[in-house]
Amino acid sequence: MTQQSTITLATSEGKYFFSPEEIVRLEASSNYTKIYFSNKTKMISAKVLKEFVLMLEPFGFVRTHRTHLVNRQHILCVTHDGNIIMKDSSVAEISRRMKSGVMKQLKNAA
């Protein structure tokens, strides 16, 4: 596989390097993105979620809502009411408009 396996993120404190597998989910917050990691830490980036979608979709990330991007490797279950429960117990919404496409992506990955 020729994909880049290290993501670089510049913050006000410096540059951080991490692998996509460490990310559980990302959540849009205005013009910022909150990044939640498997070690229970959180980081805020000045990049909008759309930039992360382009960067992380090749690594198995799925956009489930206009505010959520999740790592398929960290999904625990999908509830009947349209939520995704992550392995860290956090919850990501699936929008009604995107539900069929998201379910198809998750089914194809299984």
PDB file of N, CA and C in Angstrom:
ATOM      1  N   MET A   1       0.847  -1.172   0.000  1.00  0.00           N
ATOM      2  CA  MET A   1       0.000   0.000   0.000  1.00  0.00           C
ATOM      3  C   MET A   1       0.895   1.239   0.000  1.00  0.00           C
ATOM      4  N   THR A   2       0.585   2.200  -0.844  1.00  0.00           N
ATOM      5  CA  THR A   2       1.434   3.380  -0.963  1.00  0.00           C
ATOM      6  C   THR A   2       0.872   4.591  -0.231  1.00  0.00           C
ATOM      7  N   GLN A   3      -0.183   4.400   0.559  1.00  0.00           N
ATOM      8  CA  GLN A   3      -0.771   5.517   1.274  1.00  0.00           C
ATOM      9  C   GLN A   3       0.166   6.011   2.367  1.00  0.00           C
ATOM     10  N   GLN A   4       0.130   7.320   2.573  1.00  0.00           N
ATOM     11  CA  GLN A   4       0.894   7.911   3.657  1.00  0.00           C
ATOM     12  C   GLN A   4       0.275   7.439   4.957  1.00  0.00           C
ATOM     13  N   SER A   5       1.079   6.908   5.870  1.00  0.00           N
ATOM     14  CA  SER A   5       0.515   6.373   7.102  1.00  0.00           C
ATOM     15  C   SER A   5       0.746   7.283   8.299  1.00  0.00           C
ATOM     16  N   THR A   6       1.261   8.468   8.095  1.00  0.00           N
ATOM     17  CA  THR A   6       1.437   9.437   9.164  1.00  0.00           C
ATOM     18  C   THR A   6       0.777  10.743   8.765  1.00  0.00           C
ATOM     19  N   ILE A   7      -0.040  11.262   9.666  1.00  0.00           N
ATOM     20  CA  ILE A   7      -0.714  12.540   9.460  1.00  0.00           C
ATOM     21  C   ILE A   7       0.046  13.589  10.261  1.00  0.00           C
ATOM     22  N   THR A   8       0.271  14.738   9.662  1.00  0.00           N
ATOM     23  CA  THR A   8       0.919  15.848  10.356  1.00  0.00           C
ATOM     24  C   THR A   8      -0.120  16.924  10.595  1.00  0.00           C
ATOM     25  N   LEU A   9      -0.189  17.396  11.827  1.00  0.00           N
ATOM     26  CA  LEU A   9      -1.148  18.430  12.180  1.00  0.00           C
ATOM     27  C   LEU A   9      -0.425  19.555  12.904  1.00  0.00           C
ATOM     28  N   ALA A  10      -0.464  20.735  12.321  1.00  0.00           N
ATOM     29  CA  ALA A  10       0.167  21.902  12.937  1.00  0.00           C
ATOM     30  C   ALA A  10      -0.834  22.580  13.865  1.00  0.00           C
ATOM     31  N   THR A  11      -0.398  22.857  15.083  1.00  0.00           N
ATOM     32  CA  THR A  11      -1.220  23.592  16.044  1.00  0.00           C
ATOM     33  C   THR A  11      -0.414  24.779  16.553  1.00  0.00           C
ATOM     34  N   SER A  12      -1.009  25.547  17.440  1.00  0.00           N
ATOM     35  CA  SER A  12      -0.296  26.690  18.011  1.00  0.00           C
ATOM     36  C   SER A  12       0.880  26.240  18.876  1.00  0.00           C
ATOM     37  N   GLU A  13       0.845  25.001  19.370  1.00  0.00           N
ATOM     38  CA  GLU A  13       1.927  24.475  20.204  1.00  0.00           C
ATOM     39  C   GLU A  13       3.053  23.832  19.404  1.00  0.00           C
ATOM     40  N   GLY A  14       2.797  23.476  18.155  1.00  0.00           N
ATOM     41  CA  GLY A  14       3.807  22.820  17.332  1.00  0.00           C
ATOM     42  C   GLY A  14       3.165  21.833  16.380  1.00  0.00           C
ATOM     43  N   LYS A  15       3.992  20.956  15.810  1.00  0.00           N
ATOM     44  CA  LYS A  15       3.491  19.946  14.872  1.00  0.00           C
ATOM     45  C   LYS A  15       3.346  18.611  15.586  1.00  0.00           C
ATOM     46  N   TYR A  16       2.230  17.967  15.312  1.00  0.00           N
ATOM     47  CA  TYR A  16       1.961  16.648  15.868  1.00  0.00           C
ATOM     48  C   TYR A  16       1.921  15.644  14.730  1.00  0.00           C
ATOM     49  N   PHE A  17       2.453  14.449  14.992  1.00  0.00           N
ATOM     50  CA  PHE A  17       2.491  13.372  14.012  1.00  0.00           C
ATOM     51  C   PHE A  17       1.767  12.174  14.613  1.00  0.00           C
ATOM     52  N   PHE A  18       0.844  11.605  13.863  1.00  0.00           N
ATOM     53  CA  PHE A  18       0.116  10.444  14.349  1.00  0.00           C
ATOM     54  C   PHE A  18      -0.384   9.637  13.166  1.00  0.00           C
ATOM     55  N   SER A  19      -0.737   8.385  13.434  1.00  0.00           N
ATOM     56  CA  SER A  19      -1.256   7.530  12.365  1.00  0.00           C
ATOM     57  C   SER A  19      -2.781   7.611  12.358  1.00  0.00           C
ATOM     58  N   PRO A  20      -3.401   7.416  11.213  1.00  0.00           N
ATOM     59  CA  PRO A  20      -4.865   7.470  11.130  1.00  0.00           C
ATOM     60  C   PRO A  20      -5.554   6.468  12.064  1.00  0.00           C
ATOM     61  N   GLU A  21      -4.914   5.345  12.337  1.00  0.00           N
ATOM     62  CA  GLU A  21      -5.505   4.326  13.204  1.00  0.00           C
ATOM     63  C   GLU A  21      -5.733   4.836  14.619  1.00  0.00           C
ATOM     64  N   GLU A  22      -4.983   5.857  15.033  1.00  0.00           N
ATOM     65  CA  GLU A  22      -5.120   6.412  16.381  1.00  0.00           C
ATOM     66  C   GLU A  22      -6.365   7.275  16.533  1.00  0.00           C
ATOM     67  N   ILE A  23      -6.938   7.713  15.423  1.00  0.00           N
ATOM     68  CA  ILE A  23      -8.101   8.600  15.468  1.00  0.00           C
ATOM     69  C   ILE A  23      -9.375   7.767  15.569  1.00  0.00           C
ATOM     70  N   VAL A  24     -10.219   8.095  16.546  1.00  0.00           N
ATOM     71  CA  VAL A  24     -11.512   7.429  16.698  1.00  0.00           C
ATOM     72  C   VAL A  24     -12.549   8.130  15.829  1.00  0.00           C
ATOM     73  N   ARG A  25     -12.636   9.459  15.970  1.00  0.00           N
ATOM     74  CA  ARG A  25     -13.621  10.220  15.209  1.00  0.00           C
ATOM     75  C   ARG A  25     -13.234  11.687  15.177  1.00  0.00           C
ATOM     76  N   LEU A  26     -13.863  12.420  14.267  1.00  0.00           N
ATOM     77  CA  LEU A  26     -13.666  13.859  14.158  1.00  0.00           C
ATOM     78  C   LEU A  26     -15.037  14.511  14.154  1.00  0.00           C
ATOM     79  N   GLU A  27     -15.105  15.682  14.765  1.00  0.00           N
ATOM     80  CA  GLU A  27     -16.377  16.385  14.875  1.00  0.00           C
ATOM     81  C   GLU A  27     -16.191  17.848  14.499  1.00  0.00           C
ATOM     82  N   ALA A  28     -17.008  18.318  13.565  1.00  0.00           N
ATOM     83  CA  ALA A  28     -16.944  19.714  13.137  1.00  0.00           C
ATOM     84  C   ALA A  28     -17.523  20.609  14.222  1.00  0.00           C
ATOM     85  N   SER A  29     -16.863  21.745  14.415  1.00  0.00           N
ATOM     86  CA  SER A  29     -17.329  22.733  15.374  1.00  0.00           C
ATOM     87  C   SER A  29     -17.028  24.103  14.789  1.00  0.00           C
ATOM     88  N   SER A  30     -17.992  24.660  14.085  1.00  0.00           N
ATOM     89  CA  SER A  30     -17.819  25.935  13.384  1.00  0.00           C
ATOM     90  C   SER A  30     -16.713  25.767  12.343  1.00  0.00           C
ATOM     91  N   ASN A  31     -15.687  26.598  12.370  1.00  0.00           N
ATOM     92  CA  ASN A  31     -14.580  26.473  11.414  1.00  0.00           C
ATOM     93  C   ASN A  31     -13.416  25.671  11.982  1.00  0.00           C
ATOM     94  N   TYR A  32     -13.666  24.906  13.011  1.00  0.00           N
ATOM     95  CA  TYR A  32     -12.655  24.067  13.647  1.00  0.00           C
ATOM     96  C   TYR A  32     -13.105  22.611  13.589  1.00  0.00           C
ATOM     97  N   THR A  33     -12.165  21.721  13.868  1.00  0.00           N
ATOM     98  CA  THR A  33     -12.486  20.299  13.940  1.00  0.00           C
ATOM     99  C   THR A  33     -11.900  19.732  15.220  1.00  0.00           C
ATOM    100  N   LYS A  34     -12.739  19.035  15.986  1.00  0.00           N
ATOM    101  CA  LYS A  34     -12.276  18.340  17.186  1.00  0.00           C
ATOM    102  C   LYS A  34     -11.885  16.930  16.768  1.00  0.00           C
ATOM    103  N   ILE A  35     -10.688  16.519  17.157  1.00  0.00           N
ATOM    104  CA  ILE A  35     -10.184  15.189  16.810  1.00  0.00           C
ATOM    105  C   ILE A  35     -10.085  14.380  18.098  1.00  0.00           C
ATOM    106  N   TYR A  36     -10.747  13.235  18.130  1.00  0.00           N
ATOM    107  CA  TYR A  36     -10.753  12.370  19.306  1.00  0.00           C
ATOM    108  C   TYR A  36      -9.878  11.152  19.021  1.00  0.00           C
ATOM    109  N   PHE A  37      -8.930  10.887  19.925  1.00  0.00           N
ATOM    110  CA  PHE A  37      -7.968   9.801  19.746  1.00  0.00           C
ATOM    111  C   PHE A  37      -8.310   8.602  20.629  1.00  0.00           C
ATOM    112  N   SER A  38      -7.777   7.447  20.271  1.00  0.00           N
ATOM    113  CA  SER A  38      -8.040   6.210  21.006  1.00  0.00           C
ATOM    114  C   SER A  38      -7.460   6.228  22.416  1.00  0.00           C
ATOM    115  N   ASN A  39      -6.479   7.087  22.682  1.00  0.00           N
ATOM    116  CA  ASN A  39      -5.910   7.183  24.030  1.00  0.00           C
ATOM    117  C   ASN A  39      -6.677   8.179  24.895  1.00  0.00           C
ATOM    118  N   LYS A  40      -7.897   8.539  24.466  1.00  0.00           N
ATOM    119  CA  LYS A  40      -8.826   9.426  25.177  1.00  0.00           C
ATOM    120  C   LYS A  40      -8.426  10.900  25.156  1.00  0.00           C
ATOM    121  N   THR A  41      -7.425  11.265  24.370  1.00  0.00           N
ATOM    122  CA  THR A  41      -7.059  12.675  24.254  1.00  0.00           C
ATOM    123  C   THR A  41      -7.864  13.312  23.129  1.00  0.00           C
ATOM    124  N   LYS A  42      -7.881  14.633  23.135  1.00  0.00           N
ATOM    125  CA  LYS A  42      -8.630  15.388  22.143  1.00  0.00           C
ATOM    126  C   LYS A  42      -7.761  16.551  21.681  1.00  0.00           C
ATOM    127  N   MET A  43      -7.880  16.892  20.411  1.00  0.00           N
ATOM    128  CA  MET A  43      -7.122  17.997  19.838  1.00  0.00           C
ATOM    129  C   MET A  43      -8.079  18.816  18.982  1.00  0.00           C
ATOM    130  N   ILE A  44      -7.837  20.107  18.903  1.00  0.00           N
ATOM    131  CA  ILE A  44      -8.655  20.971  18.051  1.00  0.00           C
ATOM    132  C   ILE A  44      -7.781  21.510  16.934  1.00  0.00           C
ATOM    133  N   SER A  45      -8.295  21.414  15.711  1.00  0.00           N
ATOM    134  CA  SER A  45      -7.572  21.880  14.531  1.00  0.00           C
ATOM    135  C   SER A  45      -8.338  23.026  13.881  1.00  0.00           C
ATOM    136  N   ALA A  46      -7.599  23.951  13.286  1.00  0.00           N
ATOM    137  CA  ALA A  46      -8.216  25.067  12.567  1.00  0.00           C
ATOM    138  C   ALA A  46      -8.665  24.657  11.168  1.00  0.00           C
ATOM    139  N   LYS A  47      -8.437  23.403  10.786  1.00  0.00           N
ATOM    140  CA  LYS A  47      -8.917  22.908   9.490  1.00  0.00           C
ATOM    141  C   LYS A  47     -10.390  22.547   9.604  1.00  0.00           C
ATOM    142  N   VAL A  48     -11.115  22.757   8.520  1.00  0.00           N
ATOM    143  CA  VAL A  48     -12.527  22.352   8.511  1.00  0.00           C
ATOM    144  C   VAL A  48     -12.615  20.848   8.256  1.00  0.00           C
ATOM    145  N   LEU A  49     -13.749  20.264   8.625  1.00  0.00           N
ATOM    146  CA  LEU A  49     -13.924  18.815   8.510  1.00  0.00           C
ATOM    147  C   LEU A  49     -13.731  18.316   7.084  1.00  0.00           C
ATOM    148  N   LYS A  50     -14.149  19.097   6.106  1.00  0.00           N
ATOM    149  CA  LYS A  50     -14.033  18.682   4.703  1.00  0.00           C
ATOM    150  C   LYS A  50     -12.584  18.358   4.325  1.00  0.00           C
ATOM    151  N   GLU A  51     -11.620  19.117   4.863  1.00  0.00           N
ATOM    152  CA  GLU A  51     -10.206  18.840   4.579  1.00  0.00           C
ATOM    153  C   GLU A  51      -9.801  17.480   5.131  1.00  0.00           C
ATOM    154  N   PHE A  52     -10.313  17.138   6.314  1.00  0.00           N
ATOM    155  CA  PHE A  52     -10.004  15.838   6.908  1.00  0.00           C
ATOM    156  C   PHE A  52     -10.686  14.705   6.147  1.00  0.00           C
ATOM    157  N   VAL A  53     -11.867  14.961   5.615  1.00  0.00           N
ATOM    158  CA  VAL A  53     -12.561  13.945   4.816  1.00  0.00           C
ATOM    159  C   VAL A  53     -11.681  13.550   3.635  1.00  0.00           C
ATOM    160  N   LEU A  54     -11.178  14.533   2.920  1.00  0.00           N
ATOM    161  CA  LEU A  54     -10.318  14.254   1.760  1.00  0.00           C
ATOM    162  C   LEU A  54      -9.046  13.513   2.168  1.00  0.00           C
ATOM    163  N   MET A  55      -8.504  13.853   3.326  1.00  0.00           N
ATOM    164  CA  MET A  55      -7.257  13.260   3.800  1.00  0.00           C
ATOM    165  C   MET A  55      -7.459  11.840   4.342  1.00  0.00           C
ATOM    166  N   LEU A  56      -8.590  11.584   4.999  1.00  0.00           N
ATOM    167  CA  LEU A  56      -8.750  10.339   5.751  1.00  0.00           C
ATOM    168  C   LEU A  56      -9.662   9.284   5.112  1.00  0.00           C
ATOM    169  N   GLU A  57     -10.473   9.638   4.136  1.00  0.00           N
ATOM    170  CA  GLU A  57     -11.324   8.624   3.491  1.00  0.00           C
ATOM    171  C   GLU A  57     -10.532   7.438   2.942  1.00  0.00           C
ATOM    172  N   PRO A  58      -9.337   7.648   2.359  1.00  0.00           N
ATOM    173  CA  PRO A  58      -8.568   6.484   1.878  1.00  0.00           C
ATOM    174  C   PRO A  58      -8.151   5.518   2.992  1.00  0.00           C
ATOM    175  N   PHE A  59      -8.228   5.960   4.252  1.00  0.00           N
ATOM    176  CA  PHE A  59      -7.850   5.115   5.383  1.00  0.00           C
ATOM    177  C   PHE A  59      -9.062   4.467   6.053  1.00  0.00           C
ATOM    178  N   GLY A  60     -10.217   4.498   5.404  1.00  0.00           N
ATOM    179  CA  GLY A  60     -11.391   3.829   5.950  1.00  0.00           C
ATOM    180  C   GLY A  60     -12.292   4.699   6.804  1.00  0.00           C
ATOM    181  N   PHE A  61     -12.148   5.992   6.728  1.00  0.00           N
ATOM    182  CA  PHE A  61     -13.018   6.886   7.479  1.00  0.00           C
ATOM    183  C   PHE A  61     -14.296   7.130   6.681  1.00  0.00           C
ATOM    184  N   VAL A  62     -15.409   7.291   7.399  1.00  0.00           N
ATOM    185  CA  VAL A  62     -16.717   7.462   6.772  1.00  0.00           C
ATOM    186  C   VAL A  62     -17.366   8.724   7.330  1.00  0.00           C
ATOM    187  N   ARG A  63     -17.847   9.569   6.432  1.00  0.00           N
ATOM    188  CA  ARG A  63     -18.591  10.750   6.867  1.00  0.00           C
ATOM    189  C   ARG A  63     -20.029  10.321   7.091  1.00  0.00           C
ATOM    190  N   THR A  64     -20.510  10.484   8.323  1.00  0.00           N
ATOM    191  CA  THR A  64     -21.839  10.016   8.691  1.00  0.00           C
ATOM    192  C   THR A  64     -22.853  11.146   8.823  1.00  0.00           C
ATOM    193  N   HIS A  65     -22.354  12.353   8.874  1.00  0.00           N
ATOM    194  CA  HIS A  65     -23.193  13.523   9.136  1.00  0.00           C
ATOM    195  C   HIS A  65     -22.366  14.731   8.729  1.00  0.00           C
ATOM    196  N   ARG A  66     -22.995  15.870   8.549  1.00  0.00           N
ATOM    197  CA  ARG A  66     -22.208  17.050   8.163  1.00  0.00           C
ATOM    198  C   ARG A  66     -21.208  17.437   9.245  1.00  0.00           C
ATOM    199  N   THR A  67     -21.414  16.929  10.471  1.00  0.00           N
ATOM    200  CA  THR A  67     -20.499  17.255  11.565  1.00  0.00           C
ATOM    201  C   THR A  67     -19.652  16.078  12.041  1.00  0.00           C
ATOM    202  N   HIS A  68     -19.782  14.897  11.424  1.00  0.00           N
ATOM    203  CA  HIS A  68     -19.063  13.729  11.937  1.00  0.00           C
ATOM    204  C   HIS A  68     -18.321  12.954  10.844  1.00  0.00           C
ATOM    205  N   LEU A  69     -17.102  12.554  11.188  1.00  0.00           N
ATOM    206  CA  LEU A  69     -16.290  11.655  10.371  1.00  0.00           C
ATOM    207  C   LEU A  69     -15.761  10.593  11.322  1.00  0.00           C
ATOM    208  N   VAL A  70     -16.029   9.321  11.039  1.00  0.00           N
ATOM    209  CA  VAL A  70     -15.644   8.259  11.970  1.00  0.00           C
ATOM    210  C   VAL A  70     -14.685   7.268  11.320  1.00  0.00           C
ATOM    211  N   ASN A  71     -13.867   6.656  12.169  1.00  0.00           N
ATOM    212  CA  ASN A  71     -12.935   5.621  11.744  1.00  0.00           C
ATOM    213  C   ASN A  71     -13.659   4.277  11.857  1.00  0.00           C
ATOM    214  N   ARG A  72     -13.834   3.586  10.741  1.00  0.00           N
ATOM    215  CA  ARG A  72     -14.547   2.297  10.746  1.00  0.00           C
ATOM    216  C   ARG A  72     -13.936   1.307  11.725  1.00  0.00           C
ATOM    217  N   GLN A  73     -12.630   1.370  11.924  1.00  0.00           N
ATOM    218  CA  GLN A  73     -11.954   0.430  12.826  1.00  0.00           C
ATOM    219  C   GLN A  73     -12.399   0.597  14.276  1.00  0.00           C
ATOM    220  N   HIS A  74     -12.966   1.746  14.609  1.00  0.00           N
ATOM    221  CA  HIS A  74     -13.345   2.031  15.994  1.00  0.00           C
ATOM    222  C   HIS A  74     -14.856   1.994  16.227  1.00  0.00           C
ATOM    223  N   ILE A  75     -15.629   1.502  15.258  1.00  0.00           N
ATOM    224  CA  ILE A  75     -17.081   1.416  15.425  1.00  0.00           C
ATOM    225  C   ILE A  75     -17.427   0.165  16.224  1.00  0.00           C
ATOM    226  N   LEU A  76     -18.235   0.354  17.262  1.00  0.00           N
ATOM    227  CA  LEU A  76     -18.704  -0.766  18.066  1.00  0.00           C
ATOM    228  C   LEU A  76     -20.039  -1.281  17.532  1.00  0.00           C
ATOM    229  N   CYS A  77     -21.004  -0.374  17.311  1.00  0.00           N
ATOM    230  CA  CYS A  77     -22.293  -0.788  16.763  1.00  0.00           C
ATOM    231  C   CYS A  77     -23.035   0.402  16.164  1.00  0.00           C
ATOM    232  N   VAL A  78     -24.032   0.080  15.361  1.00  0.00           N
ATOM    233  CA  VAL A  78     -24.927   1.080  14.784  1.00  0.00           C
ATOM    234  C   VAL A  78     -26.303   0.816  15.378  1.00  0.00           C
ATOM    235  N   THR A  79     -26.892   1.839  16.000  1.00  0.00           N
ATOM    236  CA  THR A  79     -28.195   1.668  16.645  1.00  0.00           C
ATOM    237  C   THR A  79     -29.325   1.837  15.633  1.00  0.00           C
ATOM    238  N   HIS A  80     -30.499   1.365  15.994  1.00  0.00           N
ATOM    239  CA  HIS A  80     -31.669   1.472  15.114  1.00  0.00           C
ATOM    240  C   HIS A  80     -32.110   2.917  14.911  1.00  0.00           C
ATOM    241  N   ASP A  81     -31.807   3.778  15.885  1.00  0.00           N
ATOM    242  CA  ASP A  81     -32.236   5.174  15.766  1.00  0.00           C
ATOM    243  C   ASP A  81     -31.226   6.049  15.024  1.00  0.00           C
ATOM    244  N   GLY A  82     -30.228   5.439  14.401  1.00  0.00           N
ATOM    245  CA  GLY A  82     -29.325   6.184  13.535  1.00  0.00           C
ATOM    246  C   GLY A  82     -28.121   6.797  14.209  1.00  0.00           C
ATOM    247  N   ASN A  83     -27.609   6.137  15.222  1.00  0.00           N
ATOM    248  CA  ASN A  83     -26.377   6.594  15.859  1.00  0.00           C
ATOM    249  C   ASN A  83     -25.315   5.514  15.750  1.00  0.00           C
ATOM    250  N   ILE A  84     -24.068   5.952  15.776  1.00  0.00           N
ATOM    251  CA  ILE A  84     -22.951   5.014  15.792  1.00  0.00           C
ATOM    252  C   ILE A  84     -22.309   5.101  17.167  1.00  0.00           C
ATOM    253  N   ILE A  85     -22.180   3.964  17.828  1.00  0.00           N
ATOM    254  CA  ILE A  85     -21.500   3.899  19.114  1.00  0.00           C
ATOM    255  C   ILE A  85     -20.064   3.483  18.824  1.00  0.00           C
ATOM    256  N   MET A  86     -19.133   4.295  19.277  1.00  0.00           N
ATOM    257  CA  MET A  86     -17.724   4.026  19.049  1.00  0.00           C
ATOM    258  C   MET A  86     -17.166   3.189  20.198  1.00  0.00           C
ATOM    259  N   LYS A  87     -16.020   2.561  20.002  1.00  0.00           N
ATOM    260  CA  LYS A  87     -15.409   1.718  21.027  1.00  0.00           C
ATOM    261  C   LYS A  87     -15.025   2.497  22.277  1.00  0.00           C
ATOM    262  N   ASP A  88     -14.856   3.826  22.145  1.00  0.00           N
ATOM    263  CA  ASP A  88     -14.548   4.647  23.321  1.00  0.00           C
ATOM    264  C   ASP A  88     -15.821   5.149  24.006  1.00  0.00           C
ATOM    265  N   SER A  89     -16.977   4.595  23.623  1.00  0.00           N
ATOM    266  CA  SER A  89     -18.303   4.928  24.155  1.00  0.00           C
ATOM    267  C   SER A  89     -18.858   6.260  23.670  1.00  0.00           C
ATOM    268  N   SER A  90     -18.175   6.941  22.788  1.00  0.00           N
ATOM    269  CA  SER A  90     -18.715   8.181  22.238  1.00  0.00           C
ATOM    270  C   SER A  90     -19.752   7.834  21.169  1.00  0.00           C
ATOM    271  N   VAL A  91     -20.562   8.819  20.821  1.00  0.00           N
ATOM    272  CA  VAL A  91     -21.656   8.616  19.876  1.00  0.00           C
ATOM    273  C   VAL A  91     -21.512   9.588  18.714  1.00  0.00           C
ATOM    274  N   ALA A  92     -21.672   9.077  17.506  1.00  0.00           N
ATOM    275  CA  ALA A  92     -21.671   9.914  16.300  1.00  0.00           C
ATOM    276  C   ALA A  92     -23.004   9.701  15.590  1.00  0.00           C
ATOM    277  N   GLU A  93     -23.589  10.787  15.170  1.00  0.00           N
ATOM    278  CA  GLU A  93     -24.880  10.740  14.479  1.00  0.00           C
ATOM    279  C   GLU A  93     -24.729  10.288  13.029  1.00  0.00           C
ATOM    280  N   ILE A  94     -25.764   9.626  12.522  1.00  0.00           N
ATOM    281  CA  ILE A  94     -25.871   9.371  11.083  1.00  0.00           C
ATOM    282  C   ILE A  94     -27.055  10.203  10.609  1.00  0.00           C
ATOM    283  N   SER A  95     -26.832  11.066   9.645  1.00  0.00           N
ATOM    284  CA  SER A  95     -27.936  11.892   9.151  1.00  0.00           C
ATOM    285  C   SER A  95     -28.892  11.035   8.330  1.00  0.00           C
ATOM    286  N   ARG A  96     -30.155  11.416   8.338  1.00  0.00           N
ATOM    287  CA  ARG A  96     -31.156  10.659   7.564  1.00  0.00           C
ATOM    288  C   ARG A  96     -30.788  10.647   6.086  1.00  0.00           C
ATOM    289  N   ARG A  97     -30.299  11.774   5.601  1.00  0.00           N
ATOM    290  CA  ARG A  97     -29.951  11.898   4.185  1.00  0.00           C
ATOM    291  C   ARG A  97     -28.787  10.979   3.802  1.00  0.00           C
ATOM    292  N   MET A  98     -27.851  10.767   4.717  1.00  0.00           N
ATOM    293  CA  MET A  98     -26.658   9.971   4.409  1.00  0.00           C
ATOM    294  C   MET A  98     -26.767   8.517   4.849  1.00  0.00           C
ATOM    295  N   LYS A  99     -27.832   8.145   5.553  1.00  0.00           N
ATOM    296  CA  LYS A  99     -27.913   6.833   6.190  1.00  0.00           C
ATOM    297  C   LYS A  99     -27.711   5.669   5.230  1.00  0.00           C
ATOM    298  N   SER A 100     -28.399   5.660   4.081  1.00  0.00           N
ATOM    299  CA  SER A 100     -28.268   4.510   3.174  1.00  0.00           C
ATOM    300  C   SER A 100     -26.846   4.388   2.637  1.00  0.00           C
ATOM    301  N   GLY A 101     -26.214   5.496   2.292  1.00  0.00           N
ATOM    302  CA  GLY A 101     -24.837   5.464   1.801  1.00  0.00           C
ATOM    303  C   GLY A 101     -23.853   5.015   2.864  1.00  0.00           C
ATOM    304  N   VAL A 102     -24.058   5.490   4.095  1.00  0.00           N
ATOM    305  CA  VAL A 102     -23.189   5.098   5.209  1.00  0.00           C
ATOM    306  C   VAL A 102     -23.331   3.608   5.472  1.00  0.00           C
ATOM    307  N   MET A 103     -24.563   3.115   5.521  1.00  0.00           N
ATOM    308  CA  MET A 103     -24.784   1.696   5.787  1.00  0.00           C
ATOM    309  C   MET A 103     -24.171   0.827   4.693  1.00  0.00           C
ATOM    310  N   LYS A 104     -24.256   1.282   3.455  1.00  0.00           N
ATOM    311  CA  LYS A 104     -23.656   0.551   2.339  1.00  0.00           C
ATOM    312  C   LYS A 104     -22.133   0.498   2.495  1.00  0.00           C
ATOM    313  N   GLN A 105     -21.520   1.624   2.869  1.00  0.00           N
ATOM    314  CA  GLN A 105     -20.068   1.662   3.069  1.00  0.00           C
ATOM    315  C   GLN A 105     -19.651   0.737   4.205  1.00  0.00           C
ATOM    316  N   LEU A 106     -20.404   0.748   5.292  1.00  0.00           N
ATOM    317  CA  LEU A 106     -20.066  -0.096   6.436  1.00  0.00           C
ATOM    318  C   LEU A 106     -20.249  -1.571   6.098  1.00  0.00           C
ATOM    319  N   LYS A 107     -21.279  -1.893   5.353  1.00  0.00           N
ATOM    320  CA  LYS A 107     -21.534  -3.281   4.962  1.00  0.00           C
ATOM    321  C   LYS A 107     -20.432  -3.794   4.034  1.00  0.00           C
ATOM    322  N   ASN A 108     -20.008  -2.966   3.086  1.00  0.00           N
ATOM    323  CA  ASN A 108     -18.954  -3.362   2.150  1.00  0.00           C
ATOM    324  C   ASN A 108     -17.616  -3.544   2.839  1.00  0.00           C
ATOM    325  N   ALA A 109     -17.409  -2.860   3.945  1.00  0.00           N
ATOM    326  CA  ALA A 109     -16.136  -2.950   4.657  1.00  0.00           C
ATOM    327  C   ALA A 109     -16.074  -4.181   5.545  1.00  0.00           C
ATOM    328  N   ALA A 110     -17.226  -4.733   5.889  1.00  0.00           N
ATOM    329  CA  ALA A 110     -17.261  -5.871   6.813  1.00  0.00           C
ATOM    330  C   ALA A 110     -16.781  -7.143   6.176  1.00  0.00           C
TER     331      ALA A 110
END
